[in-house]
PDB file of N, CA and C in Angstrom:
ATOM      1  N   MET A   1      55.721   5.596  47.554  1.00  0.00           N
ATOM      2  CA  MET A   1      56.620   6.194  46.582  1.00  0.00           C
ATOM      3  C   MET A   1      57.311   7.406  47.212  1.00  0.00           C
ATOM      4  N   ASN A   2      58.540   7.614  46.830  1.00  0.00           N
ATOM      5  CA  ASN A   2      59.295   8.788  47.226  1.00  0.00           C
ATOM      6  C   ASN A   2      59.617   9.580  45.968  1.00  0.00           C
ATOM      7  N   ASN A   3      59.605  10.881  46.094  1.00  0.00           N
ATOM      8  CA  ASN A   3      59.974  11.727  44.971  1.00  0.00           C
ATOM      9  C   ASN A   3      61.390  12.242  45.137  1.00  0.00           C
ATOM     10  N   ILE A   4      62.128  12.248  44.055  1.00  0.00           N
ATOM     11  CA  ILE A   4      63.427  12.916  44.022  1.00  0.00           C
ATOM     12  C   ILE A   4      63.125  14.305  43.496  1.00  0.00           C
ATOM     13  N   VAL A   5      63.338  15.316  44.337  1.00  0.00           N
ATOM     14  CA  VAL A   5      62.976  16.678  43.975  1.00  0.00           C
ATOM     15  C   VAL A   5      64.204  17.575  43.853  1.00  0.00           C
ATOM     16  N   LEU A   6      64.018  18.660  43.113  1.00  0.00           N
ATOM     17  CA  LEU A   6      65.071  19.666  42.997  1.00  0.00           C
ATOM     18  C   LEU A   6      65.101  20.441  44.305  1.00  0.00           C
ATOM     19  N   PRO A   7      66.179  20.312  45.082  1.00  0.00           N
ATOM     20  CA  PRO A   7      66.220  20.943  46.409  1.00  0.00           C
ATOM     21  C   PRO A   7      66.427  22.452  46.330  1.00  0.00           C
ATOM     22  N   GLU A   8      66.158  23.107  47.440  1.00  0.00           N
ATOM     23  CA  GLU A   8      66.444  24.539  47.589  1.00  0.00           C
ATOM     24  C   GLU A   8      67.956  24.723  47.453  1.00  0.00           C
ATOM     25  N   LEU A   9      68.363  25.665  46.614  1.00  0.00           N
ATOM     26  CA  LEU A   9      69.787  25.833  46.321  1.00  0.00           C
ATOM     27  C   LEU A   9      70.375  27.116  46.892  1.00  0.00           C
ATOM     28  N   GLY A  10      69.535  28.024  47.363  1.00  0.00           N
ATOM     29  CA  GLY A  10      70.026  29.265  47.936  1.00  0.00           C
ATOM     30  C   GLY A  10      70.526  30.230  46.874  1.00  0.00           C
ATOM     31  N   GLU A  11      71.098  31.329  47.325  1.00  0.00           N
ATOM     32  CA  GLU A  11      71.708  32.339  46.452  1.00  0.00           C
ATOM     33  C   GLU A  11      70.772  32.825  45.344  1.00  0.00           C
ATOM     34  N   GLY A  12      69.462  32.791  45.589  1.00  0.00           N
ATOM     35  CA  GLY A  12      68.508  33.280  44.606  1.00  0.00           C
ATOM     36  C   GLY A  12      68.296  32.382  43.403  1.00  0.00           C
ATOM     37  N   ILE A  13      68.812  31.164  43.449  1.00  0.00           N
ATOM     38  CA  ILE A  13      68.654  30.222  42.331  1.00  0.00           C
ATOM     39  C   ILE A  13      67.236  29.664  42.357  1.00  0.00           C
ATOM     40  N   THR A  14      66.544  29.740  41.224  1.00  0.00           N
ATOM     41  CA  THR A  14      65.154  29.297  41.162  1.00  0.00           C
ATOM     42  C   THR A  14      64.941  28.097  40.248  1.00  0.00           C
ATOM     43  N   LYS A  15      65.972  27.733  39.462  1.00  0.00           N
ATOM     44  CA  LYS A  15      65.824  26.609  38.532  1.00  0.00           C
ATOM     45  C   LYS A  15      67.186  26.002  38.231  1.00  0.00           C
ATOM     46  N   ALA A  16      67.148  24.805  37.655  1.00  0.00           N
ATOM     47  CA  ALA A  16      68.374  24.104  37.249  1.00  0.00           C
ATOM     48  C   ALA A  16      68.045  23.247  36.034  1.00  0.00           C
ATOM     49  N   THR A  17      69.086  22.895  35.291  1.00  0.00           N
ATOM     50  CA  THR A  17      68.945  22.043  34.114  1.00  0.00           C
ATOM     51  C   THR A  17      69.497  20.662  34.433  1.00  0.00           C
ATOM     52  N   VAL A  18      68.756  19.626  34.047  1.00  0.00           N
ATOM     53  CA  VAL A  18      69.240  18.259  34.220  1.00  0.00           C
ATOM     54  C   VAL A  18      70.337  18.027  33.184  1.00  0.00           C
ATOM     55  N   ALA A  19      71.544  17.769  33.664  1.00  0.00           N
ATOM     56  CA  ALA A  19      72.676  17.535  32.771  1.00  0.00           C
ATOM     57  C   ALA A  19      72.834  16.057  32.441  1.00  0.00           C
ATOM     58  N   PHE A  20      72.639  15.192  33.465  1.00  0.00           N
ATOM     59  CA  PHE A  20      72.918  13.765  33.258  1.00  0.00           C
ATOM     60  C   PHE A  20      72.218  12.934  34.327  1.00  0.00           C
ATOM     61  N   TRP A  21      71.537  11.887  33.907  1.00  0.00           N
ATOM     62  CA  TRP A  21      70.993  10.901  34.834  1.00  0.00           C
ATOM     63  C   TRP A  21      72.019   9.781  34.987  1.00  0.00           C
ATOM     64  N   HIS A  22      72.406   9.488  36.229  1.00  0.00           N
ATOM     65  CA  HIS A  22      73.366   8.414  36.503  1.00  0.00           C
ATOM     66  C   HIS A  22      72.705   7.034  36.425  1.00  0.00           C
ATOM     67  N   PHE A  23      71.370   7.017  36.488  1.00  0.00           N
ATOM     68  CA  PHE A  23      70.583   5.782  36.406  1.00  0.00           C
ATOM     69  C   PHE A  23      69.432   6.023  35.446  1.00  0.00           C
ATOM     70  N   LYS A  24      68.770   4.937  35.031  1.00  0.00           N
ATOM     71  CA  LYS A  24      67.597   5.081  34.159  1.00  0.00           C
ATOM     72  C   LYS A  24      66.387   4.444  34.849  1.00  0.00           C
ATOM     73  N   SER A  25      65.213   4.686  34.300  1.00  0.00           N
ATOM     74  CA  SER A  25      63.994   4.086  34.861  1.00  0.00           C
ATOM     75  C   SER A  25      64.166   2.574  34.965  1.00  0.00           C
ATOM     76  N   GLY A  26      63.761   2.034  36.098  1.00  0.00           N
ATOM     77  CA  GLY A  26      63.882   0.598  36.339  1.00  0.00           C
ATOM     78  C   GLY A  26      65.129   0.212  37.106  1.00  0.00           C
ATOM     79  N   ASP A  27      66.115   1.098  37.169  1.00  0.00           N
ATOM     80  CA  ASP A  27      67.352   0.802  37.897  1.00  0.00           C
ATOM     81  C   ASP A  27      67.131   0.894  39.402  1.00  0.00           C
ATOM     82  N   PHE A  28      67.882   0.075  40.144  1.00  0.00           N
ATOM     83  CA  PHE A  28      67.866   0.102  41.602  1.00  0.00           C
ATOM     84  C   PHE A  28      68.981   1.016  42.081  1.00  0.00           C
ATOM     85  N   VAL A  29      68.674   1.873  43.069  1.00  0.00           N
ATOM     86  CA  VAL A  29      69.678   2.766  43.648  1.00  0.00           C
ATOM     87  C   VAL A  29      69.758   2.515  45.147  1.00  0.00           C
ATOM     88  N   GLN A  30      70.912   2.760  45.695  1.00  0.00           N
ATOM     89  CA  GLN A  30      71.123   2.677  47.135  1.00  0.00           C
ATOM     90  C   GLN A  30      70.973   4.073  47.744  1.00  0.00           C
ATOM     91  N   GLU A  31      70.611   4.112  49.004  1.00  0.00           N
ATOM     92  CA  GLU A  31      70.553   5.392  49.712  1.00  0.00           C
ATOM     93  C   GLU A  31      71.922   6.073  49.606  1.00  0.00           C
ATOM     94  N   GLY A  32      71.939   7.332  49.219  1.00  0.00           N
ATOM     95  CA  GLY A  32      73.180   8.083  49.095  1.00  0.00           C
ATOM     96  C   GLY A  32      73.790   8.076  47.702  1.00  0.00           C
ATOM     97  N   ASP A  33      73.294   7.202  46.812  1.00  0.00           N
ATOM     98  CA  ASP A  33      73.803   7.190  45.428  1.00  0.00           C
ATOM     99  C   ASP A  33      73.460   8.513  44.743  1.00  0.00           C
ATOM    100  N   ASP A  34      74.424   9.076  44.013  1.00  0.00           N
ATOM    101  CA  ASP A  34      74.136  10.236  43.178  1.00  0.00           C
ATOM    102  C   ASP A  34      73.253   9.763  42.031  1.00  0.00           C
ATOM    103  N   VAL A  35      72.070  10.365  41.907  1.00  0.00           N
ATOM    104  CA  VAL A  35      71.088   9.919  40.925  1.00  0.00           C
ATOM    105  C   VAL A  35      71.098  10.810  39.685  1.00  0.00           C
ATOM    106  N   VAL A  36      71.221  12.125  39.892  1.00  0.00           N
ATOM    107  CA  VAL A  36      71.115  13.058  38.780  1.00  0.00           C
ATOM    108  C   VAL A  36      72.078  14.228  38.984  1.00  0.00           C
ATOM    109  N   GLU A  37      72.680  14.674  37.882  1.00  0.00           N
ATOM    110  CA  GLU A  37      73.565  15.843  37.898  1.00  0.00           C
ATOM    111  C   GLU A  37      72.790  17.030  37.342  1.00  0.00           C
ATOM    112  N   LEU A  38      72.828  18.125  38.092  1.00  0.00           N
ATOM    113  CA  LEU A  38      72.121  19.342  37.716  1.00  0.00           C
ATOM    114  C   LEU A  38      73.095  20.490  37.534  1.00  0.00           C
ATOM    115  N   VAL A  39      72.728  21.430  36.660  1.00  0.00           N
ATOM    116  CA  VAL A  39      73.569  22.584  36.378  1.00  0.00           C
ATOM    117  C   VAL A  39      72.734  23.849  36.548  1.00  0.00           C
ATOM    118  N   THR A  40      73.308  24.840  37.240  1.00  0.00           N
ATOM    119  CA  THR A  40      72.706  26.166  37.320  1.00  0.00           C
ATOM    120  C   THR A  40      73.689  27.136  36.685  1.00  0.00           C
ATOM    121  N   ASP A  41      73.340  28.407  36.684  1.00  0.00           N
ATOM    122  CA  ASP A  41      74.271  29.388  36.136  1.00  0.00           C
ATOM    123  C   ASP A  41      75.471  29.605  37.052  1.00  0.00           C
ATOM    124  N   LYS A  42      75.413  29.031  38.274  1.00  0.00           N
ATOM    125  CA  LYS A  42      76.495  29.236  39.235  1.00  0.00           C
ATOM    126  C   LYS A  42      77.276  27.971  39.591  1.00  0.00           C
ATOM    127  N   ALA A  43      76.685  26.798  39.396  1.00  0.00           N
ATOM    128  CA  ALA A  43      77.351  25.569  39.856  1.00  0.00           C
ATOM    129  C   ALA A  43      76.760  24.325  39.202  1.00  0.00           C
ATOM    130  N   THR A  44      77.520  23.232  39.336  1.00  0.00           N
ATOM    131  CA  THR A  44      77.060  21.905  38.943  1.00  0.00           C
ATOM    132  C   THR A  44      77.048  21.057  40.209  1.00  0.00           C
ATOM    133  N   PHE A  45      75.989  20.287  40.411  1.00  0.00           N
ATOM    134  CA  PHE A  45      75.901  19.472  41.617  1.00  0.00           C
ATOM    135  C   PHE A  45      75.066  18.231  41.343  1.00  0.00           C
ATOM    136  N   ASN A  46      75.162  17.263  42.257  1.00  0.00           N
ATOM    137  CA  ASN A  46      74.399  16.020  42.163  1.00  0.00           C
ATOM    138  C   ASN A  46      73.328  15.973  43.240  1.00  0.00           C
ATOM    139  N   VAL A  47      72.231  15.282  42.935  1.00  0.00           N
ATOM    140  CA  VAL A  47      71.190  14.997  43.919  1.00  0.00           C
ATOM    141  C   VAL A  47      71.260  13.504  44.202  1.00  0.00           C
ATOM    142  N   ALA A  48      71.317  13.160  45.488  1.00  0.00           N
ATOM    143  CA  ALA A  48      71.443  11.761  45.897  1.00  0.00           C
ATOM    144  C   ALA A  48      70.084  11.197  46.302  1.00  0.00           C
ATOM    145  N   ALA A  49      69.967   9.882  46.215  1.00  0.00           N
ATOM    146  CA  ALA A  49      68.760   9.188  46.663  1.00  0.00           C
ATOM    147  C   ALA A  49      68.704   9.238  48.189  1.00  0.00           C
ATOM    148  N   GLU A  50      67.532   9.584  48.729  1.00  0.00           N
ATOM    149  CA  GLU A  50      67.363   9.632  50.181  1.00  0.00           C
ATOM    150  C   GLU A  50      67.051   8.258  50.766  1.00  0.00           C
ATOM    151  N   VAL A  51      66.568   7.349  49.896  1.00  0.00           N
ATOM    152  CA  VAL A  51      66.269   5.974  50.316  1.00  0.00           C
ATOM    153  C   VAL A  51      66.688   5.026  49.198  1.00  0.00           C
ATOM    154  N   ALA A  52      66.900   3.764  49.557  1.00  0.00           N
ATOM    155  CA  ALA A  52      67.177   2.746  48.540  1.00  0.00           C
ATOM    156  C   ALA A  52      65.867   2.379  47.850  1.00  0.00           C
ATOM    157  N   GLY A  53      65.941   2.117  46.557  1.00  0.00           N
ATOM    158  CA  GLY A  53      64.744   1.716  45.836  1.00  0.00           C
ATOM    159  C   GLY A  53      64.963   1.690  44.339  1.00  0.00           C
ATOM    160  N   ARG A  54      63.857   1.507  43.623  1.00  0.00           N
ATOM    161  CA  ARG A  54      63.895   1.418  42.166  1.00  0.00           C
ATOM    162  C   ARG A  54      63.302   2.691  41.570  1.00  0.00           C
ATOM    163  N   ILE A  55      63.991   3.249  40.568  1.00  0.00           N
ATOM    164  CA  ILE A  55      63.478   4.432  39.889  1.00  0.00           C
ATOM    165  C   ILE A  55      62.298   4.006  39.016  1.00  0.00           C
ATOM    166  N   GLN A  56      61.133   4.516  39.350  1.00  0.00           N
ATOM    167  CA  GLN A  56      59.915   4.164  38.616  1.00  0.00           C
ATOM    168  C   GLN A  56      59.760   5.001  37.353  1.00  0.00           C
ATOM    169  N   LYS A  57      59.988   6.310  37.479  1.00  0.00           N
ATOM    170  CA  LYS A  57      59.789   7.181  36.328  1.00  0.00           C
ATOM    171  C   LYS A  57      60.634   8.434  36.454  1.00  0.00           C
ATOM    172  N   ILE A  58      61.320   8.774  35.385  1.00  0.00           N
ATOM    173  CA  ILE A  58      62.056  10.036  35.312  1.00  0.00           C
ATOM    174  C   ILE A  58      61.102  11.073  34.747  1.00  0.00           C
ATOM    175  N   GLN A  59      60.918  12.160  35.489  1.00  0.00           N
ATOM    176  CA  GLN A  59      59.948  13.194  35.121  1.00  0.00           C
ATOM    177  C   GLN A  59      60.576  14.318  34.288  1.00  0.00           C
ATOM    178  N   VAL A  60      61.876  14.589  34.499  1.00  0.00           N
ATOM    179  CA  VAL A  60      62.561  15.676  33.800  1.00  0.00           C
ATOM    180  C   VAL A  60      63.750  15.072  33.062  1.00  0.00           C
ATOM    181  N   ASN A  61      63.759  15.180  31.756  1.00  0.00           N
ATOM    182  CA  ASN A  61      64.805  14.570  30.932  1.00  0.00           C
ATOM    183  C   ASN A  61      66.059  15.423  30.862  1.00  0.00           C
ATOM    184  N   GLU A  62      67.149  14.798  30.438  1.00  0.00           N
ATOM    185  CA  GLU A  62      68.404  15.525  30.248  1.00  0.00           C
ATOM    186  C   GLU A  62      68.176  16.694  29.299  1.00  0.00           C
ATOM    187  N   GLY A  63      68.725  17.854  29.667  1.00  0.00           N
ATOM    188  CA  GLY A  63      68.592  19.056  28.857  1.00  0.00           C
ATOM    189  C   GLY A  63      67.383  19.902  29.210  1.00  0.00           C
ATOM    190  N   GLU A  64      66.482  19.370  30.030  1.00  0.00           N
ATOM    191  CA  GLU A  64      65.295  20.121  30.427  1.00  0.00           C
ATOM    192  C   GLU A  64      65.530  20.860  31.740  1.00  0.00           C
ATOM    193  N   GLU A  65      64.828  21.987  31.898  1.00  0.00           N
ATOM    194  CA  GLU A  65      64.915  22.772  33.123  1.00  0.00           C
ATOM    195  C   GLU A  65      63.807  22.385  34.085  1.00  0.00           C
ATOM    196  N   ALA A  66      64.092  22.570  35.366  1.00  0.00           N
ATOM    197  CA  ALA A  66      63.095  22.349  36.408  1.00  0.00           C
ATOM    198  C   ALA A  66      63.238  23.454  37.443  1.00  0.00           C
ATOM    199  N   LYS A  67      62.131  23.772  38.092  1.00  0.00           N
ATOM    200  CA  LYS A  67      62.131  24.779  39.148  1.00  0.00           C
ATOM    201  C   LYS A  67      62.341  24.111  40.499  1.00  0.00           C
ATOM    202  N   ILE A  68      62.812  24.883  41.470  1.00  0.00           N
ATOM    203  CA  ILE A  68      63.013  24.383  42.826  1.00  0.00           C
ATOM    204  C   ILE A  68      61.730  23.701  43.304  1.00  0.00           C
ATOM    205  N   GLY A  69      61.863  22.519  43.883  1.00  0.00           N
ATOM    206  CA  GLY A  69      60.716  21.769  44.391  1.00  0.00           C
ATOM    207  C   GLY A  69      60.075  20.845  43.370  1.00  0.00           C
ATOM    208  N   ALA A  70      60.482  20.946  42.108  1.00  0.00           N
ATOM    209  CA  ALA A  70      59.899  20.088  41.067  1.00  0.00           C
ATOM    210  C   ALA A  70      60.318  18.635  41.279  1.00  0.00           C
ATOM    211  N   VAL A  71      59.414  17.727  40.941  1.00  0.00           N
ATOM    212  CA  VAL A  71      59.721  16.295  41.020  1.00  0.00           C
ATOM    213  C   VAL A  71      60.565  15.916  39.806  1.00  0.00           C
ATOM    214  N   LEU A  72      61.783  15.436  40.060  1.00  0.00           N
ATOM    215  CA  LEU A  72      62.688  15.028  38.986  1.00  0.00           C
ATOM    216  C   LEU A  72      62.448  13.573  38.596  1.00  0.00           C
ATOM    217  N   ALA A  73      62.149  12.741  39.594  1.00  0.00           N
ATOM    218  CA  ALA A  73      61.899  11.319  39.352  1.00  0.00           C
ATOM    219  C   ALA A  73      61.093  10.758  40.516  1.00  0.00           C
ATOM    220  N   VAL A  74      60.444   9.619  40.252  1.00  0.00           N
ATOM    221  CA  VAL A  74      59.672   8.906  41.270  1.00  0.00           C
ATOM    222  C   VAL A  74      60.448   7.640  41.617  1.00  0.00           C
ATOM    223  N   LEU A  75      60.632   7.415  42.911  1.00  0.00           N
ATOM    224  CA  LEU A  75      61.417   6.289  43.409  1.00  0.00           C
ATOM    225  C   LEU A  75      60.522   5.399  44.271  1.00  0.00           C
ATOM    226  N   GLU A  76      60.463   4.105  43.941  1.00  0.00           N
ATOM    227  CA  GLU A  76      59.743   3.148  44.775  1.00  0.00           C
ATOM    228  C   GLU A  76      60.719   2.597  45.812  1.00  0.00           C
ATOM    229  N   PRO A  77      60.503   2.880  47.103  1.00  0.00           N
ATOM    230  CA  PRO A  77      61.437   2.426  48.124  1.00  0.00           C
ATOM    231  C   PRO A  77      61.552   0.903  48.191  1.00  0.00           C
ATOM    232  N   ASP A  78      62.736   0.429  48.567  1.00  0.00           N
ATOM    233  CA  ASP A  78      62.987  -0.997  48.773  1.00  0.00           C
ATOM    234  C   ASP A  78      62.235  -1.428  50.029  1.00  0.00           C
ATOM    235  N   LYS A  79      61.460  -2.466  49.919  1.00  0.00           N
ATOM    236  CA  LYS A  79      60.617  -2.896  51.039  1.00  0.00           C
ATOM    237  C   LYS A  79      61.309  -3.902  51.960  1.00  0.00           C
ATOM    238  N   THR A  80      62.556  -4.266  51.677  1.00  0.00           N
ATOM    239  CA  THR A  80      63.240  -5.255  52.507  1.00  0.00           C
ATOM    240  C   THR A  80      63.950  -4.614  53.673  1.00  0.00           C
TER     241      THR A  80
END
């Protein structure tokens, strides 16, 4: 399993709010696909999948906050 985590954002940012999931649990994503849109007090940005696979579980729902390093979703890598 691979985790989609809230990356280090710099500029003293310690948390972000999940604005929108581009996929839902069970969906297949390709490496590089934007998976989730996050909002901070300074910017809006997307987090992309680092590997192709299926989203097993979304850990942080839309409208919820997460801290840097938090697991946003669990991704099962494509074994092919």
